[in-house]
Amino acid sequence: MNQEKPKDQLHGITLENILIALVDHYGWDGLGQLIDIRCFQSDPSVKSSLKFLRKTPWARAKVEALYLKLKE
């Protein structure tokens, strides 16, 4: 009777940590090629990218999906 909810794989991981892990793995150029977002392609920084991603749900979803794919 005790049904378990599927675990949220991103639980406890901050957006900043996700972004830093992706940049460490792919670099800004690679990340900009994989996800077509201007903040990754034109003068990228963690701070400006976080600001954009926090305001833009579709972009954040793409970043989180790429992170989950990386961790498989």
PDB file of N, CA and C in Angstrom:
ATOM      1  N   MET A   1       0.813  -1.187   0.000  1.00  0.00           N
ATOM      2  CA  MET A   1       0.000   0.000   0.000  1.00  0.00           C
ATOM      3  C   MET A   1       0.867   1.267   0.000  1.00  0.00           C
ATOM      4  N   ASN A   2       2.095   1.128   0.402  1.00  0.00           N
ATOM      5  CA  ASN A   2       2.978   2.278   0.461  1.00  0.00           C
ATOM      6  C   ASN A   2       3.690   2.444  -0.884  1.00  0.00           C
ATOM      7  N   GLN A   3       3.109   3.281  -1.759  1.00  0.00           N
ATOM      8  CA  GLN A   3       3.692   3.493  -3.076  1.00  0.00           C
ATOM      9  C   GLN A   3       4.785   4.552  -2.994  1.00  0.00           C
ATOM     10  N   GLU A   4       5.913   4.226  -3.580  1.00  0.00           N
ATOM     11  CA  GLU A   4       7.016   5.172  -3.581  1.00  0.00           C
ATOM     12  C   GLU A   4       6.890   6.103  -4.785  1.00  0.00           C
ATOM     13  N   LYS A   5       7.146   7.362  -4.536  1.00  0.00           N
ATOM     14  CA  LYS A   5       7.174   8.327  -5.624  1.00  0.00           C
ATOM     15  C   LYS A   5       8.507   8.181  -6.353  1.00  0.00           C
ATOM     16  N   PRO A   6       8.509   8.412  -7.663  1.00  0.00           N
ATOM     17  CA  PRO A   6       9.797   8.373  -8.347  1.00  0.00           C
ATOM     18  C   PRO A   6      10.713   9.464  -7.801  1.00  0.00           C
ATOM     19  N   LYS A   7      11.978   9.117  -7.631  1.00  0.00           N
ATOM     20  CA  LYS A   7      12.934  10.072  -7.073  1.00  0.00           C
ATOM     21  C   LYS A   7      13.229  11.185  -8.062  1.00  0.00           C
ATOM     22  N   ASP A   8      13.246  12.405  -7.570  1.00  0.00           N
ATOM     23  CA  ASP A   8      13.661  13.541  -8.378  1.00  0.00           C
ATOM     24  C   ASP A   8      15.179  13.506  -8.446  1.00  0.00           C
ATOM     25  N   GLN A   9      15.694  13.249  -9.637  1.00  0.00           N
ATOM     26  CA  GLN A   9      17.141  13.086  -9.785  1.00  0.00           C
ATOM     27  C   GLN A   9      17.910  14.379  -9.560  1.00  0.00           C
ATOM     28  N   LEU A  10      17.226  15.510  -9.602  1.00  0.00           N
ATOM     29  CA  LEU A  10      17.890  16.789  -9.411  1.00  0.00           C
ATOM     30  C   LEU A  10      17.733  17.321  -7.989  1.00  0.00           C
ATOM     31  N   HIS A  11      17.078  16.547  -7.131  1.00  0.00           N
ATOM     32  CA  HIS A  11      16.849  16.998  -5.758  1.00  0.00           C
ATOM     33  C   HIS A  11      18.179  17.275  -5.059  1.00  0.00           C
ATOM     34  N   GLY A  12      18.297  18.473  -4.504  1.00  0.00           N
ATOM     35  CA  GLY A  12      19.487  18.840  -3.746  1.00  0.00           C
ATOM     36  C   GLY A  12      20.632  19.385  -4.589  1.00  0.00           C
ATOM     37  N   ILE A  13      20.436  19.450  -5.908  1.00  0.00           N
ATOM     38  CA  ILE A  13      21.487  19.970  -6.785  1.00  0.00           C
ATOM     39  C   ILE A  13      21.059  21.355  -7.259  1.00  0.00           C
ATOM     40  N   THR A  14      21.873  22.341  -7.011  1.00  0.00           N
ATOM     41  CA  THR A  14      21.505  23.701  -7.389  1.00  0.00           C
ATOM     42  C   THR A  14      21.714  23.905  -8.889  1.00  0.00           C
ATOM     43  N   LEU A  15      20.997  24.858  -9.431  1.00  0.00           N
ATOM     44  CA  LEU A  15      21.147  25.207 -10.838  1.00  0.00           C
ATOM     45  C   LEU A  15      22.584  25.642 -11.123  1.00  0.00           C
ATOM     46  N   GLU A  16      23.182  26.344 -10.184  1.00  0.00           N
ATOM     47  CA  GLU A  16      24.571  26.776 -10.352  1.00  0.00           C
ATOM     48  C   GLU A  16      25.508  25.574 -10.468  1.00  0.00           C
ATOM     49  N   ASN A  17      25.311  24.567  -9.624  1.00  0.00           N
ATOM     50  CA  ASN A  17      26.151  23.368  -9.693  1.00  0.00           C
ATOM     51  C   ASN A  17      25.949  22.618 -11.001  1.00  0.00           C
ATOM     52  N   ILE A  18      24.715  22.572 -11.483  1.00  0.00           N
ATOM     53  CA  ILE A  18      24.416  21.929 -12.767  1.00  0.00           C
ATOM     54  C   ILE A  18      25.162  22.647 -13.882  1.00  0.00           C
ATOM     55  N   LEU A  19      25.053  23.972 -13.900  1.00  0.00           N
ATOM     56  CA  LEU A  19      25.687  24.762 -14.943  1.00  0.00           C
ATOM     57  C   LEU A  19      27.211  24.618 -14.899  1.00  0.00           C
ATOM     58  N   ILE A  20      27.790  24.672 -13.724  1.00  0.00           N
ATOM     59  CA  ILE A  20      29.242  24.532 -13.592  1.00  0.00           C
ATOM     60  C   ILE A  20      29.707  23.159 -14.071  1.00  0.00           C
ATOM     61  N   ALA A  21      28.960  22.114 -13.742  1.00  0.00           N
ATOM     62  CA  ALA A  21      29.321  20.764 -14.193  1.00  0.00           C
ATOM     63  C   ALA A  21      29.270  20.667 -15.717  1.00  0.00           C
ATOM     64  N   LEU A  22      28.261  21.275 -16.324  1.00  0.00           N
ATOM     65  CA  LEU A  22      28.148  21.236 -17.781  1.00  0.00           C
ATOM     66  C   LEU A  22      29.273  22.031 -18.442  1.00  0.00           C
ATOM     67  N   VAL A  23      29.591  23.183 -17.894  1.00  0.00           N
ATOM     68  CA  VAL A  23      30.682  23.989 -18.449  1.00  0.00           C
ATOM     69  C   VAL A  23      32.015  23.259 -18.280  1.00  0.00           C
ATOM     70  N   ASP A  24      32.224  22.625 -17.150  1.00  0.00           N
ATOM     71  CA  ASP A  24      33.457  21.867 -16.932  1.00  0.00           C
ATOM     72  C   ASP A  24      33.588  20.730 -17.946  1.00  0.00           C
ATOM     73  N   HIS A  25      32.468  20.097 -18.266  1.00  0.00           N
ATOM     74  CA  HIS A  25      32.497  18.951 -19.169  1.00  0.00           C
ATOM     75  C   HIS A  25      32.551  19.366 -20.645  1.00  0.00           C
ATOM     76  N   TYR A  26      31.679  20.284 -21.045  1.00  0.00           N
ATOM     77  CA  TYR A  26      31.550  20.653 -22.459  1.00  0.00           C
ATOM     78  C   TYR A  26      32.285  21.940 -22.830  1.00  0.00           C
ATOM     79  N   GLY A  27      32.537  22.804 -21.858  1.00  0.00           N
ATOM     80  CA  GLY A  27      33.061  24.138 -22.153  1.00  0.00           C
ATOM     81  C   GLY A  27      31.924  25.016 -22.660  1.00  0.00           C
ATOM     82  N   TRP A  28      32.148  26.328 -22.667  1.00  0.00           N
ATOM     83  CA  TRP A  28      31.088  27.238 -23.126  1.00  0.00           C
ATOM     84  C   TRP A  28      30.766  27.018 -24.596  1.00  0.00           C
ATOM     85  N   ASP A  29      31.800  26.765 -25.428  1.00  0.00           N
ATOM     86  CA  ASP A  29      31.560  26.559 -26.855  1.00  0.00           C
ATOM     87  C   ASP A  29      30.704  25.321 -27.094  1.00  0.00           C
ATOM     88  N   GLY A  30      31.066  24.238 -26.441  1.00  0.00           N
ATOM     89  CA  GLY A  30      30.303  22.997 -26.600  1.00  0.00           C
ATOM     90  C   GLY A  30      28.885  23.125 -26.081  1.00  0.00           C
ATOM     91  N   LEU A  31      28.743  23.797 -24.967  1.00  0.00           N
ATOM     92  CA  LEU A  31      27.411  23.994 -24.387  1.00  0.00           C
ATOM     93  C   LEU A  31      26.554  24.860 -25.307  1.00  0.00           C
ATOM     94  N   GLY A  32      27.165  25.888 -25.895  1.00  0.00           N
ATOM     95  CA  GLY A  32      26.453  26.749 -26.831  1.00  0.00           C
ATOM     96  C   GLY A  32      26.036  26.034 -28.095  1.00  0.00           C
ATOM     97  N   GLN A  33      26.782  25.011 -28.494  1.00  0.00           N
ATOM     98  CA  GLN A  33      26.407  24.215 -29.660  1.00  0.00           C
ATOM     99  C   GLN A  33      25.296  23.237 -29.332  1.00  0.00           C
ATOM    100  N   LEU A  34      25.336  22.670 -28.143  1.00  0.00           N
ATOM    101  CA  LEU A  34      24.322  21.694 -27.744  1.00  0.00           C
ATOM    102  C   LEU A  34      22.982  22.340 -27.411  1.00  0.00           C
ATOM    103  N   ILE A  35      23.034  23.499 -26.791  1.00  0.00           N
ATOM    104  CA  ILE A  35      21.819  24.228 -26.426  1.00  0.00           C
ATOM    105  C   ILE A  35      21.942  25.629 -27.011  1.00  0.00           C
ATOM    106  N   ASP A  36      21.104  25.929 -27.979  1.00  0.00           N
ATOM    107  CA  ASP A  36      21.188  27.188 -28.717  1.00  0.00           C
ATOM    108  C   ASP A  36      20.586  28.335 -27.901  1.00  0.00           C
ATOM    109  N   ILE A  37      21.389  28.831 -26.959  1.00  0.00           N
ATOM    110  CA  ILE A  37      20.984  29.936 -26.099  1.00  0.00           C
ATOM    111  C   ILE A  37      22.086  30.983 -26.163  1.00  0.00           C
ATOM    112  N   ARG A  38      21.717  32.206 -26.438  1.00  0.00           N
ATOM    113  CA  ARG A  38      22.701  33.276 -26.633  1.00  0.00           C
ATOM    114  C   ARG A  38      23.608  33.476 -25.424  1.00  0.00           C
ATOM    115  N   CYS A  39      23.088  33.293 -24.214  1.00  0.00           N
ATOM    116  CA  CYS A  39      23.927  33.527 -23.031  1.00  0.00           C
ATOM    117  C   CYS A  39      25.063  32.505 -22.925  1.00  0.00           C
ATOM    118  N   PHE A  40      24.994  31.402 -23.680  1.00  0.00           N
ATOM    119  CA  PHE A  40      26.088  30.437 -23.724  1.00  0.00           C
ATOM    120  C   PHE A  40      27.060  30.746 -24.863  1.00  0.00           C
ATOM    121  N   GLN A  41      26.631  31.579 -25.809  1.00  0.00           N
ATOM    122  CA  GLN A  41      27.411  31.800 -27.024  1.00  0.00           C
ATOM    123  C   GLN A  41      28.079  33.172 -27.088  1.00  0.00           C
ATOM    124  N   SER A  42      27.493  34.154 -26.460  1.00  0.00           N
ATOM    125  CA  SER A  42      28.006  35.519 -26.558  1.00  0.00           C
ATOM    126  C   SER A  42      28.418  36.026 -25.178  1.00  0.00           C
ATOM    127  N   ASP A  43      29.721  36.120 -24.939  1.00  0.00           N
ATOM    128  CA  ASP A  43      30.264  36.582 -23.672  1.00  0.00           C
ATOM    129  C   ASP A  43      29.669  35.825 -22.481  1.00  0.00           C
ATOM    130  N   PRO A  44      29.802  34.500 -22.458  1.00  0.00           N
ATOM    131  CA  PRO A  44      29.153  33.698 -21.414  1.00  0.00           C
ATOM    132  C   PRO A  44      29.795  33.859 -20.039  1.00  0.00           C
ATOM    133  N   SER A  45      28.958  33.784 -19.030  1.00  0.00           N
ATOM    134  CA  SER A  45      29.426  33.720 -17.650  1.00  0.00           C
ATOM    135  C   SER A  45      28.384  32.949 -16.845  1.00  0.00           C
ATOM    136  N   VAL A  46      28.811  32.408 -15.742  1.00  0.00           N
ATOM    137  CA  VAL A  46      27.888  31.660 -14.885  1.00  0.00           C
ATOM    138  C   VAL A  46      26.795  32.599 -14.374  1.00  0.00           C
ATOM    139  N   LYS A  47      27.190  33.786 -13.937  1.00  0.00           N
ATOM    140  CA  LYS A  47      26.232  34.729 -13.357  1.00  0.00           C
ATOM    141  C   LYS A  47      25.140  35.121 -14.359  1.00  0.00           C
ATOM    142  N   SER A  48      25.526  35.507 -15.569  1.00  0.00           N
ATOM    143  CA  SER A  48      24.522  35.933 -16.548  1.00  0.00           C
ATOM    144  C   SER A  48      23.656  34.754 -17.003  1.00  0.00           C
ATOM    145  N   SER A  49      24.268  33.588 -17.126  1.00  0.00           N
ATOM    146  CA  SER A  49      23.511  32.406 -17.537  1.00  0.00           C
ATOM    147  C   SER A  49      22.492  32.005 -16.474  1.00  0.00           C
ATOM    148  N   LEU A  50      22.893  32.062 -15.205  1.00  0.00           N
ATOM    149  CA  LEU A  50      21.957  31.727 -14.124  1.00  0.00           C
ATOM    150  C   LEU A  50      20.776  32.693 -14.115  1.00  0.00           C
ATOM    151  N   LYS A  51      21.060  33.960 -14.313  1.00  0.00           N
ATOM    152  CA  LYS A  51      19.997  34.963 -14.341  1.00  0.00           C
ATOM    153  C   LYS A  51      18.981  34.630 -15.431  1.00  0.00           C
ATOM    154  N   PHE A  52      19.473  34.294 -16.628  1.00  0.00           N
ATOM    155  CA  PHE A  52      18.592  33.947 -17.737  1.00  0.00           C
ATOM    156  C   PHE A  52      17.831  32.655 -17.464  1.00  0.00           C
ATOM    157  N   LEU A  53      18.535  31.633 -17.007  1.00  0.00           N
ATOM    158  CA  LEU A  53      17.903  30.328 -16.798  1.00  0.00           C
ATOM    159  C   LEU A  53      16.832  30.366 -15.712  1.00  0.00           C
ATOM    160  N   ARG A  54      17.020  31.187 -14.708  1.00  0.00           N
ATOM    161  CA  ARG A  54      16.025  31.282 -13.640  1.00  0.00           C
ATOM    162  C   ARG A  54      14.740  31.947 -14.124  1.00  0.00           C
ATOM    163  N   LYS A  55      14.838  32.771 -15.159  1.00  0.00           N
ATOM    164  CA  LYS A  55      13.664  33.470 -15.699  1.00  0.00           C
ATOM    165  C   LYS A  55      13.013  32.726 -16.859  1.00  0.00           C
ATOM    166  N   THR A  56      13.689  31.705 -17.399  1.00  0.00           N
ATOM    167  CA  THR A  56      13.246  31.077 -18.638  1.00  0.00           C
ATOM    168  C   THR A  56      13.095  29.562 -18.445  1.00  0.00           C
ATOM    169  N   PRO A  57      11.878  29.116 -18.129  1.00  0.00           N
ATOM    170  CA  PRO A  57      11.671  27.695 -17.819  1.00  0.00           C
ATOM    171  C   PRO A  57      12.072  26.733 -18.941  1.00  0.00           C
ATOM    172  N   TRP A  58      11.812  27.077 -20.204  1.00  0.00           N
ATOM    173  CA  TRP A  58      12.154  26.150 -21.287  1.00  0.00           C
ATOM    174  C   TRP A  58      13.664  25.970 -21.399  1.00  0.00           C
ATOM    175  N   ALA A  59      14.416  27.030 -21.176  1.00  0.00           N
ATOM    176  CA  ALA A  59      15.872  26.944 -21.254  1.00  0.00           C
ATOM    177  C   ALA A  59      16.417  26.141 -20.073  1.00  0.00           C
ATOM    178  N   ARG A  60      15.855  26.389 -18.903  1.00  0.00           N
ATOM    179  CA  ARG A  60      16.286  25.639 -17.718  1.00  0.00           C
ATOM    180  C   ARG A  60      16.010  24.151 -17.897  1.00  0.00           C
ATOM    181  N   ALA A  61      14.865  23.813 -18.483  1.00  0.00           N
ATOM    182  CA  ALA A  61      14.524  22.408 -18.717  1.00  0.00           C
ATOM    183  C   ALA A  61      15.549  21.747 -19.641  1.00  0.00           C
ATOM    184  N   LYS A  62      16.003  22.466 -20.666  1.00  0.00           N
ATOM    185  CA  LYS A  62      17.018  21.917 -21.582  1.00  0.00           C
ATOM    186  C   LYS A  62      18.341  21.687 -20.860  1.00  0.00           C
ATOM    187  N   VAL A  63      18.728  22.626 -20.017  1.00  0.00           N
ATOM    188  CA  VAL A  63      19.978  22.500 -19.264  1.00  0.00           C
ATOM    189  C   VAL A  63      19.885  21.321 -18.297  1.00  0.00           C
ATOM    190  N   GLU A  64      18.779  21.199 -17.595  1.00  0.00           N
ATOM    191  CA  GLU A  64      18.610  20.095 -16.645  1.00  0.00           C
ATOM    192  C   GLU A  64      18.589  18.753 -17.367  1.00  0.00           C
ATOM    193  N   ALA A  65      17.950  18.681 -18.526  1.00  0.00           N
ATOM    194  CA  ALA A  65      17.903  17.439 -19.287  1.00  0.00           C
ATOM    195  C   ALA A  65      19.303  17.030 -19.764  1.00  0.00           C
ATOM    196  N   LEU A  66      20.084  17.998 -20.211  1.00  0.00           N
ATOM    197  CA  LEU A  66      21.457  17.715 -20.636  1.00  0.00           C
ATOM    198  C   LEU A  66      22.297  17.220 -19.453  1.00  0.00           C
ATOM    199  N   TYR A  67      22.086  17.824 -18.303  1.00  0.00           N
ATOM    200  CA  TYR A  67      22.813  17.394 -17.094  1.00  0.00           C
ATOM    201  C   TYR A  67      22.465  15.954 -16.734  1.00  0.00           C
ATOM    202  N   LEU A  68      21.183  15.626 -16.785  1.00  0.00           N
ATOM    203  CA  LEU A  68      20.771  14.249 -16.469  1.00  0.00           C
ATOM    204  C   LEU A  68      21.364  13.257 -17.483  1.00  0.00           C
ATOM    205  N   LYS A  69      21.413  13.652 -18.737  1.00  0.00           N
ATOM    206  CA  LYS A  69      22.012  12.796 -19.771  1.00  0.00           C
ATOM    207  C   LYS A  69      23.505  12.590 -19.484  1.00  0.00           C
ATOM    208  N   LEU A  70      24.162  13.641 -19.061  1.00  0.00           N
ATOM    209  CA  LEU A  70      25.589  13.561 -18.729  1.00  0.00           C
ATOM    210  C   LEU A  70      25.827  12.602 -17.570  1.00  0.00           C
ATOM    211  N   LYS A  71      24.927  12.572 -16.610  1.00  0.00           N
ATOM    212  CA  LYS A  71      25.100  11.755 -15.408  1.00  0.00           C
ATOM    213  C   LYS A  71      24.676  10.297 -15.591  1.00  0.00           C
ATOM    214  N   GLU A  72      24.150   9.930 -16.768  1.00  0.00           N
ATOM    215  CA  GLU A  72      23.732   8.540 -16.997  1.00  0.00           C
ATOM    216  C   GLU A  72      24.898   7.599 -17.056  1.00  0.00           C
TER     217      GLU A  72
END
